[in-house]
Each structure stands twice: as C-alpha cells, then as structure tokens.
Amino acid sequence: MRFGVTGHQILPPRIVDRAVEHWRRVLPVGTHLYGVSNLAEGADQLFAAHVVASGGVLEAILPCADYARSLVTDDGRARLERLRRAAATVLTLPFPQPCDEAFLAAGQVLVDRCDHLFAVWDGRPGRGMGGTADVVAYARARGRPVTVLWVEGVVRV
C-alpha cells in the first residue's frame, strides 16, 4: 500500500503533534511503509521525514526542476534537499519553473501514485490553485480514501 500526503505549509504545533501521532499509530514501519510526497514545506516534509525516520521507502514528486525556489525558508530548502537525497525515487515534472499549474499537476500525480491520502487540512477552500483543497477534491473524485488530520477549533494562520 502506498500512502500519500497533502497539507498546509504552515502548521500549528497541535496539528503537527496530531499528524505525527496518527502516523506512528497506523502506519507500518520499515520497508513496508511506502510514502509519496511533493516535499513542500509543512505537511509534505513532515510526512516524508516520518517515512524516512521509520525506515520506509520515500517517493518524491517534484512540480518542476527549480522547485526549491518556491520554498519560503532556508530550512525548508535544506529539508527539501535532504529528503530528495533520501528518496528512493524522484520524479520531476516537466515544468520549467514553479507555478500553480505545476503544483496542481504534482498533486494529481501524487494522488495517482498512492492508494490512500493523508490530508493535513483544515477543510477550508484553497488559497490558490494546486493547494490542499484541490488535491483532496481530486483524490475523492478518483475514489481514493482520504484521512483528514486536523483538530477541531484549531485555526491556521
């Protein structure tokens, strides 16, 4: 079974704790864990780091060749590089630079390559094309099981 992730880039600490605890509880460890991530800051990198730390197999789907440029923080870019190197497979989509179309395509490829999607998502509409809401909608339209990991009452910034 392949597990994918989508989620917000900025996560409140309670949400980070909830997601990590859920993954520890329900996911296999070692090579039985196969995770697919776009490696964006926030939920994507959190999940990818969990997969790697658990001894699982990580597959990275990158929206474009110059993806690091779209990440906001130096720490996020450094984590992206570490996780990219740790991935067993890296698929880079043929977009020349970061753009909404590339982000949406990467989310769709991720959904197509997983059997179950975790969404670290507040359930609200997206703030731009290719965000968490679009990826969840695509997964649901494809009949992919989606587990939403959020704590009621927690508001993202």
C-alpha atoms as a PDB file:
ATOM      1  CA  MET A   1       0.000   0.000   0.000  1.00  0.00           C
ATOM      2  CA  ARG A   2       1.304   3.458  -0.938  1.00  0.00           C
ATOM      3  CA  PHE A   3       0.453   6.400   1.300  1.00  0.00           C
ATOM      4  CA  GLY A   4       0.462   9.962   0.028  1.00  0.00           C
ATOM      5  CA  VAL A   5       0.209  13.291   1.791  1.00  0.00           C
ATOM      6  CA  THR A   6      -1.086  16.747   1.090  1.00  0.00           C
ATOM      7  CA  GLY A   7      -1.409  19.606   3.519  1.00  0.00           C
ATOM      8  CA  HIS A   8      -0.754  23.116   4.564  1.00  0.00           C
ATOM      9  CA  GLN A   9       2.723  24.610   4.544  1.00  0.00           C
ATOM     10  CA  ILE A  10       2.354  26.335   7.898  1.00  0.00           C
ATOM     11  CA  LEU A  11       1.061  24.024  10.618  1.00  0.00           C
ATOM     12  CA  PRO A  12       0.107  24.893  14.198  1.00  0.00           C
ATOM     13  CA  PRO A  13       2.019  22.741  16.748  1.00  0.00           C
ATOM     14  CA  ARG A  14      -1.146  20.848  17.803  1.00  0.00           C
ATOM     15  CA  ILE A  15      -1.664  19.781  14.207  1.00  0.00           C
ATOM     16  CA  VAL A  16       1.942  18.606  13.843  1.00  0.00           C
ATOM     17  CA  ASP A  17       1.550  16.533  17.010  1.00  0.00           C
ATOM     18  CA  ARG A  18      -1.789  15.087  15.825  1.00  0.00           C
ATOM     19  CA  ALA A  19      -0.442  14.092  12.414  1.00  0.00           C
ATOM     20  CA  VAL A  20       2.769  12.513  13.708  1.00  0.00           C
ATOM     21  CA  GLU A  21       0.915  10.604  16.437  1.00  0.00           C
ATOM     22  CA  HIS A  22      -1.605   9.311  13.884  1.00  0.00           C
ATOM     23  CA  TRP A  23       1.127   8.147  11.514  1.00  0.00           C
ATOM     24  CA  ARG A  24       3.001   6.426  14.349  1.00  0.00           C
ATOM     25  CA  ARG A  25      -0.170   4.615  15.324  1.00  0.00           C
ATOM     26  CA  VAL A  26      -1.472   3.486  11.911  1.00  0.00           C
ATOM     27  CA  LEU A  27       1.453   3.173   9.512  1.00  0.00           C
ATOM     28  CA  PRO A  28       3.779   0.204   9.168  1.00  0.00           C
ATOM     29  CA  VAL A  29       7.489   0.626   9.802  1.00  0.00           C
ATOM     30  CA  GLY A  30      10.479  -0.351   7.746  1.00  0.00           C
ATOM     31  CA  THR A  31      10.246  -1.143   4.078  1.00  0.00           C
ATOM     32  CA  HIS A  32       6.540  -1.988   4.420  1.00  0.00           C
ATOM     33  CA  LEU A  33       5.943   1.770   4.583  1.00  0.00           C
ATOM     34  CA  TYR A  34       5.862   3.424   1.151  1.00  0.00           C
ATOM     35  CA  GLY A  35       5.243   7.165   1.218  1.00  0.00           C
ATOM     36  CA  VAL A  36       4.698   9.617  -1.627  1.00  0.00           C
ATOM     37  CA  SER A  37       5.262  13.337  -1.101  1.00  0.00           C
ATOM     38  CA  ASN A  38       5.711  16.556  -3.077  1.00  0.00           C
ATOM     39  CA  LEU A  39       8.235  17.697  -0.406  1.00  0.00           C
ATOM     40  CA  ALA A  40       6.713  21.141   0.094  1.00  0.00           C
ATOM     41  CA  GLU A  41       7.300  22.814   3.439  1.00  0.00           C
ATOM     42  CA  GLY A  42       4.891  21.852   6.186  1.00  0.00           C
ATOM     43  CA  ALA A  43       2.820  18.670   5.951  1.00  0.00           C
ATOM     44  CA  ASP A  44       4.661  17.229   2.931  1.00  0.00           C
ATOM     45  CA  GLN A  45       8.097  17.441   4.535  1.00  0.00           C
ATOM     46  CA  LEU A  46       6.739  16.325   7.918  1.00  0.00           C
ATOM     47  CA  PHE A  47       5.313  13.158   6.385  1.00  0.00           C
ATOM     48  CA  ALA A  48       8.394  12.498   4.251  1.00  0.00           C
ATOM     49  CA  ALA A  49      10.633  12.842   7.314  1.00  0.00           C
ATOM     50  CA  HIS A  50       8.391  10.370   9.167  1.00  0.00           C
ATOM     51  CA  VAL A  51       8.670   7.866   6.314  1.00  0.00           C
ATOM     52  CA  VAL A  52      12.473   8.158   6.226  1.00  0.00           C
ATOM     53  CA  ALA A  53      12.833   8.007  10.045  1.00  0.00           C
ATOM     54  CA  SER A  54      10.634   4.889  10.096  1.00  0.00           C
ATOM     55  CA  GLY A  55      12.891   3.134   7.599  1.00  0.00           C
ATOM     56  CA  GLY A  56      10.278   3.372   4.873  1.00  0.00           C
ATOM     57  CA  VAL A  57      10.587   3.979   1.165  1.00  0.00           C
ATOM     58  CA  LEU A  58      10.049   7.569   0.033  1.00  0.00           C
ATOM     59  CA  GLU A  59       8.960   8.601  -3.442  1.00  0.00           C
ATOM     60  CA  ALA A  60       9.213  12.319  -4.231  1.00  0.00           C
ATOM     61  CA  ILE A  61       7.105  14.017  -6.893  1.00  0.00           C
ATOM     62  CA  LEU A  62       8.555  17.465  -7.615  1.00  0.00           C
ATOM     63  CA  PRO A  63       6.478  20.010  -9.559  1.00  0.00           C
ATOM     64  CA  CYS A  64       9.399  21.443 -11.542  1.00  0.00           C
ATOM     65  CA  ALA A  65      13.160  21.491 -11.929  1.00  0.00           C
ATOM     66  CA  ASP A  66      13.621  24.701  -9.936  1.00  0.00           C
ATOM     67  CA  TYR A  67      11.214  23.691  -7.156  1.00  0.00           C
ATOM     68  CA  ALA A  68      13.448  24.824  -4.275  1.00  0.00           C
ATOM     69  CA  ARG A  69      12.998  28.405  -5.423  1.00  0.00           C
ATOM     70  CA  SER A  70       9.310  28.261  -4.444  1.00  0.00           C
ATOM     71  CA  LEU A  71      10.041  27.318  -0.819  1.00  0.00           C
ATOM     72  CA  VAL A  72       9.907  30.208   1.601  1.00  0.00           C
ATOM     73  CA  THR A  73      12.568  29.377   4.193  1.00  0.00           C
ATOM     74  CA  ASP A  74      16.205  28.327   4.100  1.00  0.00           C
ATOM     75  CA  ASP A  75      15.319  25.474   6.484  1.00  0.00           C
ATOM     76  CA  GLY A  76      12.596  24.318   4.090  1.00  0.00           C
ATOM     77  CA  ARG A  77      15.008  24.327   1.161  1.00  0.00           C
ATOM     78  CA  ALA A  78      17.595  22.402   3.202  1.00  0.00           C
ATOM     79  CA  ARG A  79      14.985  19.805   4.250  1.00  0.00           C
ATOM     80  CA  LEU A  80      13.859  19.527   0.629  1.00  0.00           C
ATOM     81  CA  GLU A  81      17.401  18.693  -0.434  1.00  0.00           C
ATOM     82  CA  ARG A  82      17.925  16.168   2.399  1.00  0.00           C
ATOM     83  CA  LEU A  83      14.616  14.438   1.696  1.00  0.00           C
ATOM     84  CA  ARG A  84      15.194  14.459  -2.056  1.00  0.00           C
ATOM     85  CA  ARG A  85      18.524  12.684  -1.486  1.00  0.00           C
ATOM     86  CA  ALA A  86      16.843  10.191   0.883  1.00  0.00           C
ATOM     87  CA  ALA A  87      14.085   9.361  -1.614  1.00  0.00           C
ATOM     88  CA  ALA A  88      14.281   6.038  -3.426  1.00  0.00           C
ATOM     89  CA  THR A  89      12.588   7.643  -6.435  1.00  0.00           C
ATOM     90  CA  VAL A  90      12.376  11.271  -7.531  1.00  0.00           C
ATOM     91  CA  LEU A  91      10.045  12.249 -10.352  1.00  0.00           C
ATOM     92  CA  THR A  92      10.408  15.852 -11.534  1.00  0.00           C
ATOM     93  CA  LEU A  93       7.565  17.122 -13.694  1.00  0.00           C
ATOM     94  CA  PRO A  94       8.482  18.936 -16.943  1.00  0.00           C
ATOM     95  CA  PHE A  95       7.533  22.448 -15.850  1.00  0.00           C
ATOM     96  CA  PRO A  96      10.397  24.965 -16.233  1.00  0.00           C
ATOM     97  CA  GLN A  97       9.611  26.887 -13.044  1.00  0.00           C
ATOM     98  CA  PRO A  98       7.259  26.908 -10.052  1.00  0.00           C
ATOM     99  CA  CYS A  99       3.680  27.833 -10.966  1.00  0.00           C
ATOM    100  CA  ASP A 100       0.139  26.937  -9.932  1.00  0.00           C
ATOM    101  CA  GLU A 101      -0.213  24.538 -12.865  1.00  0.00           C
ATOM    102  CA  ALA A 102       2.927  22.668 -11.784  1.00  0.00           C
ATOM    103  CA  PHE A 103       1.712  22.437  -8.181  1.00  0.00           C
ATOM    104  CA  LEU A 104      -1.687  21.109  -9.278  1.00  0.00           C
ATOM    105  CA  ALA A 105      -0.105  18.581 -11.656  1.00  0.00           C
ATOM    106  CA  ALA A 106       2.271  17.372  -8.928  1.00  0.00           C
ATOM    107  CA  GLY A 107      -0.648  16.907  -6.517  1.00  0.00           C
ATOM    108  CA  GLN A 108      -2.563  14.940  -9.126  1.00  0.00           C
ATOM    109  CA  VAL A 109       0.430  12.716  -9.918  1.00  0.00           C
ATOM    110  CA  LEU A 110       0.875  12.117  -6.187  1.00  0.00           C
ATOM    111  CA  VAL A 111      -2.770  11.023  -5.851  1.00  0.00           C
ATOM    112  CA  ASP A 112      -2.464   8.787  -8.913  1.00  0.00           C
ATOM    113  CA  ARG A 113       0.582   7.104  -7.347  1.00  0.00           C
ATOM    114  CA  CYS A 114      -0.868   6.424  -3.890  1.00  0.00           C
ATOM    115  CA  ASP A 115      -3.569   4.135  -2.504  1.00  0.00           C
ATOM    116  CA  HIS A 116      -4.507   6.291   0.489  1.00  0.00           C
ATOM    117  CA  LEU A 117      -4.120  10.044   1.006  1.00  0.00           C
ATOM    118  CA  PHE A 118      -3.494  11.824   4.307  1.00  0.00           C
ATOM    119  CA  ALA A 119      -4.649  15.441   4.238  1.00  0.00           C
ATOM    120  CA  VAL A 120      -3.274  17.703   6.947  1.00  0.00           C
ATOM    121  CA  TRP A 121      -6.015  20.161   6.127  1.00  0.00           C
ATOM    122  CA  ASP A 122      -8.408  22.495   7.896  1.00  0.00           C
ATOM    123  CA  GLY A 123     -11.169  21.691   5.410  1.00  0.00           C
ATOM    124  CA  ARG A 124     -11.354  25.219   4.048  1.00  0.00           C
ATOM    125  CA  PRO A 125     -11.151  26.245   0.380  1.00  0.00           C
ATOM    126  CA  GLY A 126      -7.723  26.657  -1.151  1.00  0.00           C
ATOM    127  CA  ARG A 127      -5.787  29.911  -1.265  1.00  0.00           C
ATOM    128  CA  GLY A 128      -4.578  29.193  -4.771  1.00  0.00           C
ATOM    129  CA  MET A 129      -4.768  26.583  -7.500  1.00  0.00           C
ATOM    130  CA  GLY A 130      -2.990  23.348  -6.709  1.00  0.00           C
ATOM    131  CA  GLY A 131      -3.368  23.607  -2.948  1.00  0.00           C
ATOM    132  CA  THR A 132      -4.583  21.076  -0.430  1.00  0.00           C
ATOM    133  CA  ALA A 133      -8.286  21.530  -1.203  1.00  0.00           C
ATOM    134  CA  ASP A 134      -7.685  20.831  -4.911  1.00  0.00           C
ATOM    135  CA  VAL A 135      -5.623  17.716  -4.182  1.00  0.00           C
ATOM    136  CA  VAL A 136      -8.258  16.373  -1.761  1.00  0.00           C
ATOM    137  CA  ALA A 137     -11.033  17.028  -4.306  1.00  0.00           C
ATOM    138  CA  TYR A 138      -9.031  15.226  -6.990  1.00  0.00           C
ATOM    139  CA  ALA A 139      -8.412  12.243  -4.674  1.00  0.00           C
ATOM    140  CA  ARG A 140     -12.082  11.988  -3.750  1.00  0.00           C
ATOM    141  CA  ALA A 141     -13.120  12.223  -7.404  1.00  0.00           C
ATOM    142  CA  ARG A 142     -10.776   9.302  -8.127  1.00  0.00           C
ATOM    143  CA  GLY A 143     -12.257   7.250  -5.263  1.00  0.00           C
ATOM    144  CA  ARG A 144      -9.044   7.421  -3.261  1.00  0.00           C
ATOM    145  CA  PRO A 145      -9.558   7.075   0.519  1.00  0.00           C
ATOM    146  CA  VAL A 146      -8.674  10.325   2.303  1.00  0.00           C
ATOM    147  CA  THR A 147      -7.919  10.693   6.010  1.00  0.00           C
ATOM    148  CA  VAL A 148      -8.131  14.317   7.147  1.00  0.00           C
ATOM    149  CA  LEU A 149      -5.856  15.094  10.085  1.00  0.00           C
ATOM    150  CA  TRP A 150      -6.897  18.241  11.865  1.00  0.00           C
ATOM    151  CA  VAL A 151      -8.039  19.267  15.345  1.00  0.00           C
ATOM    152  CA  GLU A 152     -11.433  20.961  15.519  1.00  0.00           C
ATOM    153  CA  GLY A 153     -11.145  24.541  16.625  1.00  0.00           C
ATOM    154  CA  VAL A 154      -7.525  24.991  15.532  1.00  0.00           C
ATOM    155  CA  VAL A 155      -7.181  27.802  13.009  1.00  0.00           C
ATOM    156  CA  ARG A 156      -4.243  28.046  10.634  1.00  0.00           C
ATOM    157  CA  VAL A 157      -2.505  31.314  10.072  1.00  0.00           C
END
